[in-house]
Amino acid sequence: MLEKRHIDVTDRVVGKYVNDELNLYVENEPIGKVTVNEQGKSEYQLNNGYQYRDNKFYQHTDVTTGKDMKYTDCDNEEGWC
């Protein structure tokens, strides 16, 4: 079964300046950018599937929950067939 989750990826976010913009990446995948408004406050423009909240970056993803349906216990000893 798939379940929607928000995974904290803050420790994997890297910023790189490109053309006077701070672009954000997770494992070399671009996730958005940070700009500074006229008041000097940072504004986060993130791609779909990412969110910045409470000083952390989150990735919205589907994760598998429950028993892995690909597994079959055919010998009642928790082995693979």
Protein backbone atom coordinates (compact mmCIF):
# COMPACT_ATOMS: atom_id res chain seq x y z
CA MET A 1 0.00 0.00 0.00
CA LEU A 2 1.30 3.50 -0.83
CA GLU A 3 1.04 6.32 1.68
CA LYS A 4 1.84 10.01 1.18
CA ARG A 5 4.61 11.26 3.47
CA HIS A 6 6.65 14.40 4.03
CA ILE A 7 10.31 13.37 4.32
CA ASP A 8 12.76 15.80 5.94
CA VAL A 9 15.57 16.27 3.39
CA THR A 10 17.13 19.36 5.02
CA ASP A 11 20.52 17.72 5.58
CA ARG A 12 20.69 16.75 1.88
CA VAL A 13 19.87 20.18 0.39
CA VAL A 14 22.76 21.94 -1.35
CA GLY A 15 22.74 25.51 -2.68
CA LYS A 16 24.72 26.64 -5.73
CA TYR A 17 24.91 30.16 -7.15
CA VAL A 18 24.08 30.21 -10.85
CA ASN A 19 23.56 33.52 -12.70
CA ASP A 20 23.12 35.47 -9.44
CA GLU A 21 20.49 33.02 -8.13
CA LEU A 22 20.86 30.49 -5.33
CA ASN A 23 19.58 27.25 -6.82
CA LEU A 24 18.72 24.37 -4.48
CA TYR A 25 19.45 20.70 -5.12
CA VAL A 26 18.87 17.33 -3.46
CA GLU A 27 21.33 14.73 -4.74
CA ASN A 28 22.02 16.82 -7.89
CA GLU A 29 18.28 17.14 -8.65
CA PRO A 30 17.14 20.77 -8.83
CA ILE A 31 14.35 21.43 -6.32
CA GLY A 32 13.99 25.22 -6.53
CA LYS A 33 15.69 28.49 -5.68
CA VAL A 34 16.01 31.14 -2.98
CA THR A 35 15.61 34.83 -3.69
CA VAL A 36 15.80 37.83 -1.38
CA ASN A 37 12.92 40.32 -1.52
CA GLU A 38 13.20 44.10 -1.15
CA GLN A 39 12.85 43.83 2.63
CA GLY A 40 15.82 41.45 2.77
CA LYS A 41 13.72 38.38 3.57
CA SER A 42 14.42 35.04 1.87
CA GLU A 43 11.70 33.65 -0.39
CA TYR A 44 11.71 30.00 -1.37
CA GLN A 45 10.39 29.01 -4.79
CA LEU A 46 10.34 25.22 -4.74
CA ASN A 47 9.37 22.70 -7.39
CA ASN A 48 6.27 20.54 -7.02
CA GLY A 49 6.84 17.88 -4.40
CA TYR A 50 8.98 20.06 -2.10
CA GLN A 51 8.12 22.40 0.76
CA TYR A 52 10.00 24.73 3.12
CA ARG A 53 8.43 24.90 6.58
CA ASP A 54 9.78 25.67 10.07
CA ASN A 55 13.36 26.10 8.76
CA LYS A 56 13.33 22.65 7.14
CA PHE A 57 12.96 21.29 3.62
CA TYR A 58 10.47 18.48 3.01
CA GLN A 59 9.94 16.19 0.05
CA HIS A 60 6.39 14.95 -0.54
CA THR A 61 6.59 11.35 -1.65
CA ASP A 62 4.73 8.05 -1.72
CA VAL A 63 6.18 5.32 0.49
CA THR A 64 5.29 1.66 0.74
CA THR A 65 3.63 0.69 4.01
CA GLY A 66 2.62 -2.68 5.34
CA LYS A 67 3.91 -6.05 4.21
CA ASP A 68 5.82 -6.14 0.94
CA MET A 69 3.38 -7.84 -1.40
CA LYS A 70 6.24 -9.27 -3.52
CA TYR A 71 7.33 -11.50 -0.65
CA THR A 72 5.89 -15.01 -0.41
CA ASP A 73 6.47 -17.34 2.53
CA CYS A 74 5.91 -20.67 0.84
CA ASP A 75 7.66 -22.92 3.38
CA ASN A 76 6.26 -21.35 6.61
CA GLU A 77 9.81 -20.71 7.78
CA GLU A 78 9.99 -17.13 6.52
CA GLY A 79 12.02 -18.12 3.49
CA TRP A 80 11.82 -17.14 -0.14
CA CYS A 81 10.39 -19.38 -2.83
